[in-house]
Amino acid sequence: MFTEIPAGSVMELLIRLLLAHMLGDFAFQSSGLVIMKKESWKGLAIHTLIVTVCTAALSWGYSPLWWAITLVVSGSHMALDAFRSSIPRAEPSREFLYFLGDQFLHLGLILATVLAFERSLPRWDFASSAEIPLHLKVMICFIAFIFLLWEVPLVERYVLDLLPSCYVPRANFQIEPLQRLLGGIERTLFVLLFIMASPLAVILAFIPRAFTFTGGRWRCNLYRIGVSLALTLPVTLLLMAISRE
């Protein structure tokens, strides 16, 4: 099918493409661009261009076939997003399933791209964290923090929309600026306290949001904290594992 990539490892290609996806689909995709994608092809074209640039930047220098990798990833991403944007807005439970399905399909396409070019499934070949190259550790950290700062707030909002007492009808799916800010601070403090201080100290990270009641629905903040904790803990353990000497 394609010439096998001679340089690097299969796992490295996967990590590079995952980081490109996280940058293009979350860090560099604003709420306005999400709305624009549903309203016109211009939004989809802009988003695809961003994904293309991110993928090219992270695959260029890794392989002489970086251009082919970029075309496959960005082309499949555009096709999937075009299909997703054509689906009318549905009830909260369906929207959550659409979101999860969309992300799993994107990850599946990335894995299929790695398999097509490398002709092998990714394997973790490092016996210890000391064997992991520094640039891969940095990329994994970027993936983790983009997940915590951009993707977790979306999951929080989807979960709250499933609860009648926390559901707020809205024309477009958006994250409240205060919740995004407090949630970002919360998860960053959680990681730092867990790794650098003590696991028992992480309770301090939840204080700002626990006592910030929005619209009188204090229980909704507790639900948010529960979702945040459930998603932040495994990411923190991963970061601890790769940081050990």
Protein backbone atom coordinates (compact mmCIF):
# COMPACT_ATOMS: atom_id res chain seq x y z
CA MET A 1 0.00 0.00 0.00
CA PHE A 2 2.48 2.64 1.23
CA THR A 3 6.22 2.46 1.67
CA GLU A 4 7.07 1.63 5.25
CA ILE A 5 8.48 4.53 7.22
CA PRO A 6 12.14 3.83 7.95
CA ALA A 7 12.66 6.37 10.74
CA GLY A 8 11.21 6.55 14.25
CA SER A 9 8.78 4.13 15.82
CA VAL A 10 5.17 3.18 15.29
CA MET A 11 4.29 4.55 18.71
CA GLU A 12 5.91 7.88 17.91
CA LEU A 13 3.81 8.32 14.78
CA LEU A 14 0.68 7.58 16.80
CA ILE A 15 1.64 10.11 19.49
CA ARG A 16 2.40 12.77 16.86
CA LEU A 17 -0.96 12.27 15.13
CA LEU A 18 -2.83 12.23 18.45
CA LEU A 19 -1.25 15.55 19.40
CA ALA A 20 -2.15 17.01 16.00
CA HIS A 21 -5.75 15.87 16.55
CA MET A 22 -5.93 17.37 20.03
CA LEU A 23 -4.53 20.68 18.80
CA GLY A 24 -6.75 20.90 15.71
CA ASP A 25 -9.97 19.53 17.19
CA PHE A 26 -9.84 21.19 20.61
CA ALA A 27 -7.10 23.74 21.36
CA PHE A 28 -7.49 25.59 18.03
CA GLN A 29 -11.23 25.10 17.56
CA SER A 30 -13.33 27.81 19.19
CA SER A 31 -17.05 27.62 19.95
CA GLY A 32 -17.62 30.07 17.10
CA LEU A 33 -15.85 27.77 14.65
CA VAL A 34 -17.96 24.81 15.82
CA ILE A 35 -21.10 26.83 15.06
CA MET A 36 -19.70 27.98 11.72
CA LYS A 37 -19.01 24.36 10.71
CA LYS A 38 -22.70 23.55 11.08
CA GLU A 39 -23.82 26.63 9.17
CA SER A 40 -21.51 26.63 6.14
CA TRP A 41 -18.71 24.87 4.32
CA LYS A 42 -16.47 27.84 5.13
CA GLY A 43 -16.29 26.78 8.78
CA LEU A 44 -15.51 23.20 7.80
CA ALA A 45 -12.80 24.40 5.38
CA ILE A 46 -11.16 26.57 8.06
CA HIS A 47 -11.23 23.74 10.58
CA THR A 48 -9.79 21.28 8.05
CA LEU A 49 -7.01 23.75 7.22
CA ILE A 50 -6.12 23.98 10.92
CA VAL A 51 -6.07 20.18 11.25
CA THR A 52 -3.94 19.95 8.09
CA VAL A 53 -1.38 22.45 9.37
CA CYS A 54 -1.14 20.71 12.76
CA THR A 55 -0.73 17.28 11.16
CA ALA A 56 1.84 18.51 8.64
CA ALA A 57 3.86 20.29 11.33
CA LEU A 58 4.05 17.18 13.50
CA SER A 59 4.66 14.63 10.73
CA TRP A 60 7.10 16.74 8.71
CA GLY A 61 10.66 15.74 9.55
CA TYR A 62 9.46 12.43 10.92
CA SER A 63 9.03 10.77 7.55
CA PRO A 64 9.54 11.53 3.85
CA LEU A 65 5.88 10.54 3.47
CA TRP A 66 4.67 13.32 5.78
CA TRP A 67 2.64 14.82 2.94
CA ALA A 68 0.77 11.56 2.33
CA ILE A 69 0.12 11.11 6.05
CA THR A 70 -1.22 14.67 6.19
CA LEU A 71 -3.52 14.15 3.20
CA VAL A 72 -4.96 10.93 4.61
CA VAL A 73 -5.52 12.32 8.12
CA SER A 74 -6.93 15.70 7.07
CA GLY A 75 -9.07 14.18 4.30
CA SER A 76 -10.64 11.58 6.59
CA HIS A 77 -11.09 14.20 9.31
CA MET A 78 -12.92 16.52 6.91
CA ALA A 79 -15.19 13.73 5.66
CA LEU A 80 -16.13 12.67 9.19
CA ASP A 81 -16.75 16.26 10.33
CA ALA A 82 -18.87 16.97 7.26
CA PHE A 83 -21.07 14.01 8.14
CA ARG A 84 -21.22 15.02 11.82
CA SER A 85 -22.14 18.62 10.97
CA SER A 86 -25.02 17.44 8.81
CA ILE A 87 -26.74 15.73 11.76
CA PRO A 88 -29.40 17.98 13.35
CA ARG A 89 -29.08 18.82 17.02
CA ALA A 90 -30.71 16.09 19.12
CA GLU A 91 -31.66 15.47 22.75
CA PRO A 92 -28.78 15.54 25.31
CA SER A 93 -28.30 11.78 25.52
CA ARG A 94 -27.96 11.49 21.75
CA GLU A 95 -25.64 14.50 21.59
CA PHE A 96 -23.34 12.87 24.12
CA LEU A 97 -23.30 9.63 22.14
CA TYR A 98 -22.61 11.58 18.93
CA PHE A 99 -19.67 13.32 20.63
CA LEU A 100 -18.20 10.05 21.92
CA GLY A 101 -18.77 8.31 18.60
CA ASP A 102 -17.17 11.19 16.71
CA GLN A 103 -14.02 11.08 18.85
CA PHE A 104 -13.73 7.30 18.73
CA LEU A 105 -14.06 7.38 14.94
CA HIS A 106 -11.37 10.07 14.68
CA LEU A 107 -9.05 7.99 16.86
CA GLY A 108 -9.87 4.90 14.84
CA LEU A 109 -8.98 6.68 11.60
CA ILE A 110 -5.69 7.85 13.13
CA LEU A 111 -4.89 4.28 14.20
CA ALA A 112 -5.80 3.01 10.72
CA THR A 113 -3.45 5.60 9.20
CA VAL A 114 -0.60 4.42 11.43
CA LEU A 115 -1.31 0.82 10.48
CA ALA A 116 -1.43 1.67 6.75
CA PHE A 117 1.89 3.50 6.74
CA GLU A 118 3.83 1.47 9.30
CA ARG A 119 2.22 -1.91 8.56
CA SER A 120 2.29 -2.60 12.28
CA LEU A 121 0.20 -1.80 15.33
CA PRO A 122 1.72 0.60 17.90
CA ARG A 123 3.53 -1.08 20.79
CA TRP A 124 4.92 0.45 23.96
CA ASP A 125 8.55 -0.67 23.66
CA PHE A 126 9.95 1.29 26.61
CA ALA A 127 10.87 -0.83 29.63
CA SER A 128 10.94 2.23 31.89
CA SER A 129 10.16 5.93 31.72
CA ALA A 130 13.90 6.66 31.58
CA GLU A 131 13.96 5.11 28.08
CA ILE A 132 11.24 7.42 26.74
CA PRO A 133 12.80 10.22 24.63
CA LEU A 134 12.27 13.69 26.06
CA HIS A 135 10.41 14.95 22.98
CA LEU A 136 7.87 12.12 23.32
CA LYS A 137 7.35 12.94 27.00
CA VAL A 138 6.71 16.56 26.06
CA MET A 139 4.17 15.56 23.40
CA ILE A 140 2.37 13.22 25.82
CA CYS A 141 2.20 16.04 28.38
CA PHE A 142 0.69 18.37 25.76
CA ILE A 143 -1.91 15.74 24.85
CA ALA A 144 -2.78 15.27 28.53
CA PHE A 145 -3.19 18.96 29.29
CA ILE A 146 -5.21 19.68 26.15
CA PHE A 147 -7.50 16.83 27.21
CA LEU A 148 -7.82 18.27 30.72
CA LEU A 149 -8.31 21.90 29.72
CA TRP A 150 -10.41 21.55 26.56
CA GLU A 151 -12.04 18.12 26.35
CA VAL A 152 -13.00 17.47 29.98
CA PRO A 153 -15.20 20.64 30.13
CA LEU A 154 -17.17 19.28 27.17
CA VAL A 155 -17.72 15.95 28.89
CA GLU A 156 -18.79 17.77 32.06
CA ARG A 157 -21.37 19.77 30.09
CA TYR A 158 -22.69 16.70 28.29
CA VAL A 159 -23.06 14.78 31.58
CA LEU A 160 -24.86 17.70 33.25
CA ASP A 161 -27.24 17.97 30.31
CA LEU A 162 -28.32 14.41 31.07
CA LEU A 163 -29.50 15.52 34.51
CA PRO A 164 -32.90 17.30 34.47
CA SER A 165 -31.97 19.54 37.42
CA CYS A 166 -28.82 20.79 35.66
CA TYR A 167 -29.99 20.94 32.06
CA VAL A 168 -30.11 24.45 30.59
CA PRO A 169 -31.69 24.78 27.11
CA ARG A 170 -29.46 26.72 24.72
CA ALA A 171 -29.32 27.47 21.02
CA ASN A 172 -25.73 26.24 20.74
CA PHE A 173 -23.53 24.00 22.84
CA GLN A 174 -21.13 26.25 24.77
CA ILE A 175 -19.12 26.07 27.99
CA GLU A 176 -19.66 28.81 30.56
CA PRO A 177 -16.45 30.93 30.79
CA LEU A 178 -16.45 30.76 34.60
CA GLN A 179 -16.72 26.97 34.61
CA ARG A 180 -13.98 26.65 31.98
CA LEU A 181 -11.67 28.89 34.04
CA LEU A 182 -12.37 27.27 37.41
CA GLY A 183 -12.28 23.78 35.92
CA GLY A 184 -8.92 24.47 34.27
CA ILE A 185 -7.47 25.77 37.53
CA GLU A 186 -8.94 22.82 39.40
CA ARG A 187 -7.47 20.15 37.14
CA THR A 188 -4.06 21.85 36.87
CA LEU A 189 -3.82 22.14 40.65
CA PHE A 190 -4.94 18.52 41.01
CA VAL A 191 -2.08 17.28 38.82
CA LEU A 192 0.54 19.49 40.49
CA LEU A 193 -0.56 18.67 44.05
CA PHE A 194 -0.86 14.94 43.34
CA ILE A 195 2.61 14.69 41.77
CA MET A 196 4.58 17.29 43.73
CA ALA A 197 2.90 17.29 47.15
CA SER A 198 0.58 14.53 48.36
CA PRO A 199 -2.51 12.78 46.99
CA LEU A 200 -4.31 13.92 50.16
CA ALA A 201 -3.63 17.57 49.24
CA VAL A 202 -5.67 17.37 46.02
CA ILE A 203 -8.83 18.24 47.94
CA LEU A 204 -7.56 21.84 47.88
CA ALA A 205 -7.94 21.88 44.10
CA PHE A 206 -11.72 21.49 44.33
CA ILE A 207 -12.38 24.34 46.76
CA PRO A 208 -12.87 27.18 44.20
CA ARG A 209 -15.57 25.39 42.21
CA ALA A 210 -17.21 23.68 45.17
CA PHE A 211 -18.08 27.05 46.66
CA THR A 212 -18.96 28.84 43.44
CA PHE A 213 -22.71 28.40 43.10
CA THR A 214 -24.09 29.35 39.69
CA GLY A 215 -27.82 29.94 39.42
CA GLY A 216 -28.40 28.39 42.84
CA ARG A 217 -27.71 24.88 41.52
CA TRP A 218 -24.85 23.97 43.87
CA ARG A 219 -25.34 20.26 43.28
CA CYS A 220 -24.48 20.75 39.63
CA ASN A 221 -21.03 21.98 40.64
CA LEU A 222 -20.56 18.84 42.71
CA TYR A 223 -21.50 16.72 39.71
CA ARG A 224 -18.99 18.68 37.64
CA ILE A 225 -16.31 18.02 40.23
CA GLY A 226 -17.13 14.31 40.18
CA VAL A 227 -16.71 14.11 36.41
CA SER A 228 -13.55 16.20 36.60
CA LEU A 229 -12.04 13.92 39.24
CA ALA A 230 -12.93 10.74 37.35
CA LEU A 231 -11.17 11.99 34.20
CA THR A 232 -8.24 13.81 35.81
CA LEU A 233 -7.03 11.00 38.07
CA PRO A 234 -6.05 8.50 35.33
CA VAL A 235 -4.34 11.28 33.34
CA THR A 236 -2.39 12.26 36.46
CA LEU A 237 -1.28 8.66 37.01
CA LEU A 238 -0.11 8.51 33.39
CA LEU A 239 1.92 11.70 33.82
CA MET A 240 3.44 10.31 37.03
CA ALA A 241 4.40 7.10 35.25
CA ILE A 242 6.26 8.82 32.41
CA SER A 243 7.99 11.30 34.75
CA ARG A 244 9.65 8.71 36.96
CA GLU A 245 13.38 8.32 36.52
